[in-house]
All heavy atoms as atom14 arrays in JSON, in Angstrom:
{
  "sequence": "YVQGLKLFNVIEEKSKTLAETFKKLYDDSRRVVADIYNKYDFTDIQKD",
  "atom14_mask": [
    [1, 1, 1, 1, 1, 1, 1, 1, 1, 1, 1, 1, 0, 0],
    [1, 1, 1, 1, 1, 1, 1, 0, 0, 0, 0, 0, 0, 0],
    [1, 1, 1, 1, 1, 1, 1, 1, 1, 0, 0, 0, 0, 0],
    [1, 1, 1, 1, 0, 0, 0, 0, 0, 0, 0, 0, 0, 0],
    [1, 1, 1, 1, 1, 1, 1, 1, 0, 0, 0, 0, 0, 0],
    [1, 1, 1, 1, 1, 1, 1, 1, 1, 0, 0, 0, 0, 0],
    [1, 1, 1, 1, 1, 1, 1, 1, 0, 0, 0, 0, 0, 0],
    [1, 1, 1, 1, 1, 1, 1, 1, 1, 1, 1, 0, 0, 0],
    [1, 1, 1, 1, 1, 1, 1, 1, 0, 0, 0, 0, 0, 0],
    [1, 1, 1, 1, 1, 1, 1, 0, 0, 0, 0, 0, 0, 0],
    [1, 1, 1, 1, 1, 1, 1, 1, 0, 0, 0, 0, 0, 0],
    [1, 1, 1, 1, 1, 1, 1, 1, 1, 0, 0, 0, 0, 0],
    [1, 1, 1, 1, 1, 1, 1, 1, 1, 0, 0, 0, 0, 0],
    [1, 1, 1, 1, 1, 1, 1, 1, 1, 0, 0, 0, 0, 0],
    [1, 1, 1, 1, 1, 1, 0, 0, 0, 0, 0, 0, 0, 0],
    [1, 1, 1, 1, 1, 1, 1, 1, 1, 0, 0, 0, 0, 0],
    [1, 1, 1, 1, 1, 1, 1, 0, 0, 0, 0, 0, 0, 0],
    [1, 1, 1, 1, 1, 1, 1, 1, 0, 0, 0, 0, 0, 0],
    [1, 1, 1, 1, 1, 0, 0, 0, 0, 0, 0, 0, 0, 0],
    [1, 1, 1, 1, 1, 1, 1, 1, 1, 0, 0, 0, 0, 0],
    [1, 1, 1, 1, 1, 1, 1, 0, 0, 0, 0, 0, 0, 0],
    [1, 1, 1, 1, 1, 1, 1, 1, 1, 1, 1, 0, 0, 0],
    [1, 1, 1, 1, 1, 1, 1, 1, 1, 0, 0, 0, 0, 0],
    [1, 1, 1, 1, 1, 1, 1, 1, 1, 0, 0, 0, 0, 0],
    [1, 1, 1, 1, 1, 1, 1, 1, 0, 0, 0, 0, 0, 0],
    [1, 1, 1, 1, 1, 1, 1, 1, 1, 1, 1, 1, 0, 0],
    [1, 1, 1, 1, 1, 1, 1, 1, 0, 0, 0, 0, 0, 0],
    [1, 1, 1, 1, 1, 1, 1, 1, 0, 0, 0, 0, 0, 0],
    [1, 1, 1, 1, 1, 1, 0, 0, 0, 0, 0, 0, 0, 0],
    [1, 1, 1, 1, 1, 1, 1, 1, 1, 1, 1, 0, 0, 0],
    [1, 1, 1, 1, 1, 1, 1, 1, 1, 1, 1, 0, 0, 0],
    [1, 1, 1, 1, 1, 1, 1, 0, 0, 0, 0, 0, 0, 0],
    [1, 1, 1, 1, 1, 1, 1, 0, 0, 0, 0, 0, 0, 0],
    [1, 1, 1, 1, 1, 0, 0, 0, 0, 0, 0, 0, 0, 0],
    [1, 1, 1, 1, 1, 1, 1, 1, 0, 0, 0, 0, 0, 0],
    [1, 1, 1, 1, 1, 1, 1, 1, 0, 0, 0, 0, 0, 0],
    [1, 1, 1, 1, 1, 1, 1, 1, 1, 1, 1, 1, 0, 0],
    [1, 1, 1, 1, 1, 1, 1, 1, 0, 0, 0, 0, 0, 0],
    [1, 1, 1, 1, 1, 1, 1, 1, 1, 0, 0, 0, 0, 0],
    [1, 1, 1, 1, 1, 1, 1, 1, 1, 1, 1, 1, 0, 0],
    [1, 1, 1, 1, 1, 1, 1, 1, 0, 0, 0, 0, 0, 0],
    [1, 1, 1, 1, 1, 1, 1, 1, 1, 1, 1, 0, 0, 0],
    [1, 1, 1, 1, 1, 1, 1, 0, 0, 0, 0, 0, 0, 0],
    [1, 1, 1, 1, 1, 1, 1, 1, 0, 0, 0, 0, 0, 0],
    [1, 1, 1, 1, 1, 1, 1, 1, 0, 0, 0, 0, 0, 0],
    [1, 1, 1, 1, 1, 1, 1, 1, 1, 0, 0, 0, 0, 0],
    [1, 1, 1, 1, 1, 1, 1, 1, 1, 0, 0, 0, 0, 0],
    [1, 1, 1, 1, 1, 1, 1, 1, 0, 0, 0, 0, 0, 0]
  ],
  "atom14_positions": [
    [[-17.41, 13.33, -8.86], [-16.89, 11.97, -8.58], [-16.57, 11.85, -7.1], [-16.83, 10.81, -6.45], [-15.59, 11.75, -9.46], [-14.96, 10.41, -9.23], [-15.61, 9.28, -9.65], [-13.91, 10.2, -8.57], [-14.98, 8.01, -9.54], [-13.28, 9.02, -8.32], [-13.9, 7.8, -8.79], [-13.32, 6.61, -8.63], [0.0, 0.0, 0.0], [0.0, 0.0, 0.0]],
    [[-15.95, 12.89, -6.51], [-15.65, 12.78, -5.1], [-16.95, 12.76, -4.28], [-16.99, 12.08, -3.2], [-14.8, 14.01, -4.7], [-14.61, 14.09, -3.15], [-13.4, 13.89, -5.31], [0.0, 0.0, 0.0], [0.0, 0.0, 0.0], [0.0, 0.0, 0.0], [0.0, 0.0, 0.0], [0.0, 0.0, 0.0], [0.0, 0.0, 0.0], [0.0, 0.0, 0.0]],
    [[-17.92, 13.57, -4.65], [-19.3, 13.42, -4.0], [-19.78, 12.02, -4.06], [-20.33, 11.56, -2.9], [-20.26, 14.35, -4.7], [-20.22, 15.8, -4.39], [-21.22, 16.63, -5.02], [-21.6, 16.33, -6.19], [-21.84, 17.52, -4.29], [0.0, 0.0, 0.0], [0.0, 0.0, 0.0], [0.0, 0.0, 0.0], [0.0, 0.0, 0.0], [0.0, 0.0, 0.0]],
    [[-19.62, 11.31, -5.03], [-20.0, 9.85, -5.09], [-19.21, 9.05, -4.22], [-19.7, 8.09, -3.55], [0.0, 0.0, 0.0], [0.0, 0.0, 0.0], [0.0, 0.0, 0.0], [0.0, 0.0, 0.0], [0.0, 0.0, 0.0], [0.0, 0.0, 0.0], [0.0, 0.0, 0.0], [0.0, 0.0, 0.0], [0.0, 0.0, 0.0], [0.0, 0.0, 0.0]],
    [[-17.87, 9.26, -4.21], [-16.99, 8.53, -3.36], [-17.45, 8.75, -1.9], [-17.49, 7.67, -1.08], [-15.54, 9.03, -3.33], [-14.74, 8.74, -4.64], [-13.38, 9.31, -4.57], [-14.66, 7.25, -4.82], [0.0, 0.0, 0.0], [0.0, 0.0, 0.0], [0.0, 0.0, 0.0], [0.0, 0.0, 0.0], [0.0, 0.0, 0.0], [0.0, 0.0, 0.0]],
    [[-17.88, 9.86, -1.46], [-18.35, 10.11, -0.17], [-19.81, 9.6, 0.1], [-20.13, 8.98, 1.17], [-18.28, 11.54, 0.2], [-16.83, 12.02, 0.24], [-16.7, 13.48, 0.77], [-15.25, 13.89, 0.84], [-14.97, 15.21, 1.47], [0.0, 0.0, 0.0], [0.0, 0.0, 0.0], [0.0, 0.0, 0.0], [0.0, 0.0, 0.0], [0.0, 0.0, 0.0]],
    [[-20.62, 9.75, -0.87], [-22.05, 9.24, -0.76], [-22.0, 7.78, -0.59], [-22.74, 7.24, 0.3], [-22.83, 9.69, -1.98], [-24.3, 9.19, -1.96], [-24.98, 9.84, -0.87], [-24.96, 9.51, -3.37], [0.0, 0.0, 0.0], [0.0, 0.0, 0.0], [0.0, 0.0, 0.0], [0.0, 0.0, 0.0], [0.0, 0.0, 0.0], [0.0, 0.0, 0.0]],
    [[-21.28, 7.0, -1.37], [-21.29, 5.65, -1.34], [-20.12, 5.1, -0.34], [-19.98, 3.89, -0.3], [-21.1, 4.96, -2.72], [-22.13, 5.51, -3.73], [-21.82, 6.23, -4.76], [-23.47, 5.13, -3.47], [-22.71, 6.6, -5.76], [-24.39, 5.59, -4.39], [-24.07, 6.33, -5.53], [0.0, 0.0, 0.0], [0.0, 0.0, 0.0], [0.0, 0.0, 0.0]],
    [[-19.65, 5.99, 0.45], [-18.58, 5.53, 1.45], [-17.41, 4.74, 0.89], [-17.05, 3.86, 1.6], [-19.31, 4.77, 2.55], [-20.37, 5.68, 3.38], [-20.0, 6.75, 3.59], [-21.45, 5.03, 3.73], [0.0, 0.0, 0.0], [0.0, 0.0, 0.0], [0.0, 0.0, 0.0], [0.0, 0.0, 0.0], [0.0, 0.0, 0.0], [0.0, 0.0, 0.0]],
    [[-17.08, 5.09, -0.33], [-16.09, 4.17, -1.0], [-14.72, 4.28, -0.21], [-14.12, 3.16, -0.05], [-15.89, 4.7, -2.45], [-14.71, 3.99, -3.1], [-17.08, 4.53, -3.31], [0.0, 0.0, 0.0], [0.0, 0.0, 0.0], [0.0, 0.0, 0.0], [0.0, 0.0, 0.0], [0.0, 0.0, 0.0], [0.0, 0.0, 0.0], [0.0, 0.0, 0.0]],
    [[-14.27, 5.45, 0.16], [-13.03, 5.59, 0.78], [-13.06, 4.81, 2.2], [-12.13, 4.04, 2.52], [-12.68, 7.09, 1.03], [-12.49, 7.72, -0.28], [-11.35, 7.21, 1.82], [-12.39, 9.21, -0.25], [0.0, 0.0, 0.0], [0.0, 0.0, 0.0], [0.0, 0.0, 0.0], [0.0, 0.0, 0.0], [0.0, 0.0, 0.0], [0.0, 0.0, 0.0]],
    [[-14.09, 5.11, 2.99], [-14.21, 4.52, 4.29], [-14.44, 3.02, 4.15], [-13.77, 2.25, 4.93], [-15.45, 5.09, 5.05], [-15.32, 6.51, 5.44], [-15.51, 7.57, 4.3], [-15.91, 7.02, 3.26], [-15.44, 8.73, 4.54], [0.0, 0.0, 0.0], [0.0, 0.0, 0.0], [0.0, 0.0, 0.0], [0.0, 0.0, 0.0], [0.0, 0.0, 0.0]],
    [[-15.12, 2.56, 3.21], [-15.45, 1.2, 3.03], [-14.15, 0.39, 2.63], [-13.83, -0.69, 3.06], [-16.5, 0.86, 2.0], [-17.9, 1.12, 2.43], [-18.33, 0.33, 3.65], [-17.95, -0.91, 3.59], [-18.88, 0.79, 4.58], [0.0, 0.0, 0.0], [0.0, 0.0, 0.0], [0.0, 0.0, 0.0], [0.0, 0.0, 0.0], [0.0, 0.0, 0.0]],
    [[-13.33, 0.99, 1.73], [-12.1, 0.46, 1.3], [-11.2, 0.32, 2.55], [-10.53, -0.7, 2.63], [-11.34, 1.32, 0.22], [-9.92, 0.66, -0.27], [-9.46, 1.43, -1.33], [-8.19, 0.8, -1.82], [-7.61, 1.38, -2.96], [0.0, 0.0, 0.0], [0.0, 0.0, 0.0], [0.0, 0.0, 0.0], [0.0, 0.0, 0.0], [0.0, 0.0, 0.0]],
    [[-10.99, 1.38, 3.32], [-10.15, 1.38, 4.46], [-10.58, 0.24, 5.46], [-9.87, -0.55, 5.99], [-10.2, 2.6, 5.23], [-9.37, 2.64, 6.31], [0.0, 0.0, 0.0], [0.0, 0.0, 0.0], [0.0, 0.0, 0.0], [0.0, 0.0, 0.0], [0.0, 0.0, 0.0], [0.0, 0.0, 0.0], [0.0, 0.0, 0.0], [0.0, 0.0, 0.0]],
    [[-11.9, 0.22, 5.69], [-12.47, -0.89, 6.52], [-12.23, -2.31, 5.97], [-11.87, -3.19, 6.77], [-14.01, -0.61, 6.75], [-14.78, -1.61, 7.6], [-16.17, -1.28, 7.81], [-16.94, -2.33, 8.54], [-18.32, -2.0, 8.66], [0.0, 0.0, 0.0], [0.0, 0.0, 0.0], [0.0, 0.0, 0.0], [0.0, 0.0, 0.0], [0.0, 0.0, 0.0]],
    [[-12.52, -2.46, 4.74], [-12.35, -3.83, 3.99], [-10.9, -4.22, 4.18], [-10.55, -5.33, 4.48], [-12.74, -3.64, 2.63], [-14.05, -3.38, 2.52], [-12.51, -5.07, 1.9], [0.0, 0.0, 0.0], [0.0, 0.0, 0.0], [0.0, 0.0, 0.0], [0.0, 0.0, 0.0], [0.0, 0.0, 0.0], [0.0, 0.0, 0.0], [0.0, 0.0, 0.0]],
    [[-9.92, -3.29, 3.94], [-8.49, -3.63, 4.03], [-8.21, -4.02, 5.39], [-7.45, -5.12, 5.58], [-7.63, -2.37, 3.64], [-7.42, -2.15, 2.12], [-6.7, -0.77, 1.87], [-6.56, -3.31, 1.56], [0.0, 0.0, 0.0], [0.0, 0.0, 0.0], [0.0, 0.0, 0.0], [0.0, 0.0, 0.0], [0.0, 0.0, 0.0], [0.0, 0.0, 0.0]],
    [[-8.62, -3.37, 6.36], [-8.3, -3.6, 7.79], [-8.9, -5.0, 8.18], [-8.17, -5.78, 8.7], [-8.79, -2.45, 8.72], [0.0, 0.0, 0.0], [0.0, 0.0, 0.0], [0.0, 0.0, 0.0], [0.0, 0.0, 0.0], [0.0, 0.0, 0.0], [0.0, 0.0, 0.0], [0.0, 0.0, 0.0], [0.0, 0.0, 0.0], [0.0, 0.0, 0.0]],
    [[-10.13, -5.19, 7.85], [-10.77, -6.53, 8.12], [-10.08, -7.62, 7.34], [-9.94, -8.77, 8.06], [-12.19, -6.32, 7.78], [-13.11, -5.49, 8.65], [-14.52, -5.4, 8.33], [-14.77, -5.83, 7.15], [-15.31, -4.84, 9.0], [0.0, 0.0, 0.0], [0.0, 0.0, 0.0], [0.0, 0.0, 0.0], [0.0, 0.0, 0.0], [0.0, 0.0, 0.0]],
    [[-9.75, -7.49, 6.09], [-9.13, -8.46, 5.36], [-7.74, -8.85, 5.94], [-7.34, -10.0, 6.12], [-8.9, -8.13, 3.87], [-10.21, -7.81, 3.39], [-8.32, -9.22, 3.08], [0.0, 0.0, 0.0], [0.0, 0.0, 0.0], [0.0, 0.0, 0.0], [0.0, 0.0, 0.0], [0.0, 0.0, 0.0], [0.0, 0.0, 0.0], [0.0, 0.0, 0.0]],
    [[-6.95, -7.84, 6.25], [-5.66, -8.05, 6.87], [-5.8, -8.84, 8.24], [-5.1, -9.78, 8.45], [-4.84, -6.8, 7.08], [-3.57, -6.91, 7.71], [-2.48, -7.22, 6.85], [-3.34, -6.89, 9.15], [-1.24, -7.52, 7.4], [-2.05, -7.08, 9.64], [-1.04, -7.4, 8.8], [0.0, 0.0, 0.0], [0.0, 0.0, 0.0], [0.0, 0.0, 0.0]],
    [[-6.74, -8.39, 9.03], [-6.93, -9.01, 10.32], [-7.36, -10.42, 10.13], [-6.85, -11.36, 10.93], [-8.02, -8.22, 11.11], [-8.28, -8.85, 12.55], [-7.07, -8.66, 13.39], [-7.39, -8.9, 14.88], [-8.01, -10.12, 15.14], [0.0, 0.0, 0.0], [0.0, 0.0, 0.0], [0.0, 0.0, 0.0], [0.0, 0.0, 0.0], [0.0, 0.0, 0.0]],
    [[-8.2, -10.8, 9.25], [-8.59, -12.23, 9.01], [-7.4, -12.96, 8.59], [-7.24, -14.12, 9.12], [-9.68, -12.25, 7.93], [-10.19, -13.75, 7.64], [-11.25, -13.84, 6.54], [-11.66, -15.21, 6.48], [-10.59, -16.17, 6.19], [0.0, 0.0, 0.0], [0.0, 0.0, 0.0], [0.0, 0.0, 0.0], [0.0, 0.0, 0.0], [0.0, 0.0, 0.0]],
    [[-6.66, -12.51, 7.63], [-5.48, -13.32, 7.17], [-4.39, -13.38, 8.31], [-3.58, -14.34, 8.32], [-4.86, -12.49, 5.9], [-5.62, -12.55, 4.65], [-4.81, -11.73, 3.57], [-5.68, -13.94, 4.15], [0.0, 0.0, 0.0], [0.0, 0.0, 0.0], [0.0, 0.0, 0.0], [0.0, 0.0, 0.0], [0.0, 0.0, 0.0], [0.0, 0.0, 0.0]],
    [[-4.23, -12.27, 9.13], [-3.39, -12.35, 10.29], [-3.82, -13.55, 11.18], [-3.05, -14.29, 11.72], [-3.39, -11.03, 11.02], [-2.65, -11.04, 12.34], [-1.24, -11.24, 12.37], [-3.33, -10.83, 13.52], [-0.57, -11.23, 13.58], [-2.67, -10.81, 14.71], [-1.29, -11.02, 14.7], [-0.65, -11.04, 15.98], [0.0, 0.0, 0.0], [0.0, 0.0, 0.0]],
    [[-5.09, -13.51, 11.48], [-5.63, -14.64, 12.43], [-5.5, -16.01, 11.8], [-5.1, -16.92, 12.51], [-7.11, -14.38, 12.7], [-7.37, -13.16, 13.63], [-6.37, -12.77, 14.26], [-8.45, -12.59, 13.64], [0.0, 0.0, 0.0], [0.0, 0.0, 0.0], [0.0, 0.0, 0.0], [0.0, 0.0, 0.0], [0.0, 0.0, 0.0], [0.0, 0.0, 0.0]],
    [[-5.71, -16.16, 10.5], [-5.48, -17.39, 9.8], [-4.02, -17.78, 9.95], [-3.67, -18.98, 10.16], [-5.86, -17.37, 8.31], [-7.36, -17.24, 8.1], [-8.08, -17.56, 9.11], [-7.79, -16.86, 7.01], [0.0, 0.0, 0.0], [0.0, 0.0, 0.0], [0.0, 0.0, 0.0], [0.0, 0.0, 0.0], [0.0, 0.0, 0.0], [0.0, 0.0, 0.0]],
    [[-3.04, -16.83, 9.75], [-1.67, -17.08, 9.84], [-1.2, -17.44, 11.35], [-0.35, -18.31, 11.46], [-0.85, -15.8, 9.48], [-1.09, -15.48, 8.08], [0.0, 0.0, 0.0], [0.0, 0.0, 0.0], [0.0, 0.0, 0.0], [0.0, 0.0, 0.0], [0.0, 0.0, 0.0], [0.0, 0.0, 0.0], [0.0, 0.0, 0.0], [0.0, 0.0, 0.0]],
    [[-1.9, -16.84, 12.27], [-1.62, -17.24, 13.67], [-2.06, -18.71, 13.98], [-1.41, -19.42, 14.56], [-2.53, -16.37, 14.66], [-1.93, -14.9, 14.58], [-2.96, -14.0, 15.28], [-2.69, -13.92, 16.77], [-3.51, -13.47, 17.72], [-4.71, -12.99, 17.3], [-3.25, -13.47, 19.0], [0.0, 0.0, 0.0], [0.0, 0.0, 0.0], [0.0, 0.0, 0.0]],
    [[-3.19, -19.07, 13.32], [-3.59, -20.46, 13.51], [-2.68, -21.46, 12.79], [-2.29, -22.47, 13.34], [-5.03, -20.71, 12.82], [-5.48, -22.06, 12.74], [-6.92, -22.1, 12.23], [-7.16, -21.19, 11.11], [-6.78, -21.55, 9.89], [-6.18, -22.74, 9.69], [-7.22, -20.74, 8.89], [0.0, 0.0, 0.0], [0.0, 0.0, 0.0], [0.0, 0.0, 0.0]],
    [[-2.09, -21.08, 11.55], [-1.17, -21.84, 10.92], [0.21, -21.98, 11.72], [0.67, -23.07, 11.87], [-0.78, -21.27, 9.52], [0.51, -21.93, 8.94], [-1.95, -21.36, 8.49], [0.0, 0.0, 0.0], [0.0, 0.0, 0.0], [0.0, 0.0, 0.0], [0.0, 0.0, 0.0], [0.0, 0.0, 0.0], [0.0, 0.0, 0.0], [0.0, 0.0, 0.0]],
    [[0.54, -20.93, 12.31], [1.82, -20.97, 13.17], [1.59, -21.86, 14.37], [2.48, -22.71, 14.74], [2.26, -19.59, 13.58], [3.45, -19.66, 14.55], [2.68, -18.7, 12.36], [0.0, 0.0, 0.0], [0.0, 0.0, 0.0], [0.0, 0.0, 0.0], [0.0, 0.0, 0.0], [0.0, 0.0, 0.0], [0.0, 0.0, 0.0], [0.0, 0.0, 0.0]],
    [[0.45, -21.71, 15.01], [0.12, -22.59, 16.15], [0.23, -24.06, 15.82], [0.71, -24.9, 16.47], [-1.26, -22.21, 16.75], [0.0, 0.0, 0.0], [0.0, 0.0, 0.0], [0.0, 0.0, 0.0], [0.0, 0.0, 0.0], [0.0, 0.0, 0.0], [0.0, 0.0, 0.0], [0.0, 0.0, 0.0], [0.0, 0.0, 0.0], [0.0, 0.0, 0.0]],
    [[-0.37, -24.37, 14.6], [-0.38, -25.79, 14.13], [1.04, -26.26, 13.91], [1.35, -27.45, 14.27], [-1.18, -25.92, 12.85], [-2.69, -25.78, 13.13], [-3.09, -25.91, 14.34], [-3.45, -25.62, 12.14], [0.0, 0.0, 0.0], [0.0, 0.0, 0.0], [0.0, 0.0, 0.0], [0.0, 0.0, 0.0], [0.0, 0.0, 0.0], [0.0, 0.0, 0.0]],
    [[1.91, -25.33, 13.35], [3.25, -25.76, 13.1], [4.04, -25.92, 14.43], [4.81, -26.87, 14.67], [4.0, -24.69, 12.34], [3.44, -24.57, 10.89], [5.56, -24.85, 12.27], [3.94, -23.45, 10.09], [0.0, 0.0, 0.0], [0.0, 0.0, 0.0], [0.0, 0.0, 0.0], [0.0, 0.0, 0.0], [0.0, 0.0, 0.0], [0.0, 0.0, 0.0]],
    [[3.77, -25.07, 15.47], [4.39, -25.21, 16.79], [4.0, -26.52, 17.41], [4.74, -27.22, 18.11], [4.03, -24.04, 17.61], [4.76, -22.84, 17.47], [5.75, -22.67, 16.43], [4.51, -21.74, 18.19], [6.5, -21.55, 16.21], [5.25, -20.52, 18.0], [6.14, -20.42, 17.03], [6.9, -19.25, 16.85], [0.0, 0.0, 0.0], [0.0, 0.0, 0.0]],
    [[2.69, -26.96, 17.19], [2.17, -28.12, 17.86], [2.75, -29.32, 17.11], [2.82, -30.47, 17.73], [0.69, -28.1, 17.92], [0.1, -27.04, 18.93], [0.8, -26.84, 19.97], [-0.98, -26.49, 18.6], [0.0, 0.0, 0.0], [0.0, 0.0, 0.0], [0.0, 0.0, 0.0], [0.0, 0.0, 0.0], [0.0, 0.0, 0.0], [0.0, 0.0, 0.0]],
    [[3.01, -29.25, 15.85], [3.43, -30.4, 15.11], [4.85, -30.67, 15.27], [5.4, -31.82, 15.17], [3.01, -30.14, 13.65], [3.2, -31.45, 12.78], [2.69, -31.14, 11.36], [2.82, -32.35, 10.43], [2.38, -32.16, 9.16], [0.0, 0.0, 0.0], [0.0, 0.0, 0.0], [0.0, 0.0, 0.0], [0.0, 0.0, 0.0], [0.0, 0.0, 0.0]],
    [[5.74, -29.62, 15.34], [7.19, -29.77, 15.28], [7.75, -29.13, 16.6], [7.13, -28.3, 17.27], [7.8, -29.08, 14.14], [7.18, -29.53, 12.78], [6.33, -28.71, 12.02], [7.53, -30.72, 12.26], [5.81, -29.13, 10.89], [7.07, -31.17, 11.0], [6.16, -30.35, 10.32], [5.64, -30.78, 9.16], [0.0, 0.0, 0.0], [0.0, 0.0, 0.0]],
    [[8.97, -29.62, 16.96], [9.65, -29.05, 18.11], [10.34, -27.75, 17.63], [11.52, -27.66, 17.43], [10.71, -30.0, 18.58], [10.2, -31.26, 19.14], [9.05, -31.21, 19.64], [10.82, -32.32, 19.19], [0.0, 0.0, 0.0], [0.0, 0.0, 0.0], [0.0, 0.0, 0.0], [0.0, 0.0, 0.0], [0.0, 0.0, 0.0], [0.0, 0.0, 0.0]],
    [[9.4, -26.76, 17.52], [9.86, -25.47, 16.97], [10.35, -24.43, 18.02], [11.06, -23.48, 17.67], [8.82, -24.88, 16.07], [9.31, -23.99, 14.92], [9.5, -24.65, 13.6], [9.56, -22.78, 14.98], [9.97, -23.92, 12.6], [10.0, -21.9, 13.98], [10.18, -22.51, 12.79], [0.0, 0.0, 0.0], [0.0, 0.0, 0.0], [0.0, 0.0, 0.0]],
    [[9.83, -24.61, 19.24], [10.24, -23.6, 20.3], [10.72, -24.43, 21.5], [10.44, -25.55, 21.74], [8.99, -22.8, 20.62], [8.01, -23.7, 21.16], [8.4, -22.14, 19.42], [0.0, 0.0, 0.0], [0.0, 0.0, 0.0], [0.0, 0.0, 0.0], [0.0, 0.0, 0.0], [0.0, 0.0, 0.0], [0.0, 0.0, 0.0], [0.0, 0.0, 0.0]],
    [[11.31, -23.63, 22.37], [11.84, -24.17, 23.61], [10.78, -24.79, 24.46], [10.87, -25.88, 25.06], [12.63, -23.13, 24.43], [13.93, -22.76, 23.73], [14.43, -23.54, 22.92], [14.43, -21.63, 23.95], [0.0, 0.0, 0.0], [0.0, 0.0, 0.0], [0.0, 0.0, 0.0], [0.0, 0.0, 0.0], [0.0, 0.0, 0.0], [0.0, 0.0, 0.0]],
    [[9.65, -24.12, 24.45], [8.59, -24.47, 25.41], [7.97, -25.88, 24.9], [7.38, -26.56, 25.61], [7.5, -23.42, 25.41], [6.46, -23.72, 26.6], [6.61, -23.35, 24.19], [5.49, -22.59, 26.93], [0.0, 0.0, 0.0], [0.0, 0.0, 0.0], [0.0, 0.0, 0.0], [0.0, 0.0, 0.0], [0.0, 0.0, 0.0], [0.0, 0.0, 0.0]],
    [[8.16, -26.19, 23.59], [7.46, -27.31, 23.06], [8.35, -28.57, 23.4], [7.92, -29.65, 23.07], [7.35, -27.17, 21.51], [6.5, -28.25, 20.81], [5.12, -28.11, 21.13], [4.63, -27.22, 21.89], [4.21, -29.01, 20.58], [0.0, 0.0, 0.0], [0.0, 0.0, 0.0], [0.0, 0.0, 0.0], [0.0, 0.0, 0.0], [0.0, 0.0, 0.0]],
    [[9.58, -28.47, 23.85], [10.33, -29.69, 24.07], [9.81, -30.63, 24.97], [10.1, -31.88, 24.85], [11.76, -29.18, 24.54], [12.6, -28.48, 23.43], [13.96, -28.0, 23.87], [14.79, -27.43, 22.82], [16.12, -26.89, 23.21], [0.0, 0.0, 0.0], [0.0, 0.0, 0.0], [0.0, 0.0, 0.0], [0.0, 0.0, 0.0], [0.0, 0.0, 0.0]],
    [[9.08, -30.18, 25.95], [8.55, -31.11, 26.98], [7.07, -31.7, 26.5], [6.57, -32.58, 27.2], [8.44, -30.56, 28.34], [7.4, -29.32, 28.39], [6.82, -29.04, 27.32], [7.41, -28.66, 29.4], [0.0, 0.0, 0.0], [0.0, 0.0, 0.0], [0.0, 0.0, 0.0], [0.0, 0.0, 0.0], [0.0, 0.0, 0.0], [0.0, 0.0, 0.0]]
  ]
}
């Protein structure tokens, strides 16, 4: 079974998929926060 995990790169692919998925969700969340900052007076810099 472990030979199969390594042959099909299951462990590496899972780690890569997790990292890529988290990064995408992180980037989506950054976009959401930027939209919130631009829509509301949420930060000091936004007051002007």
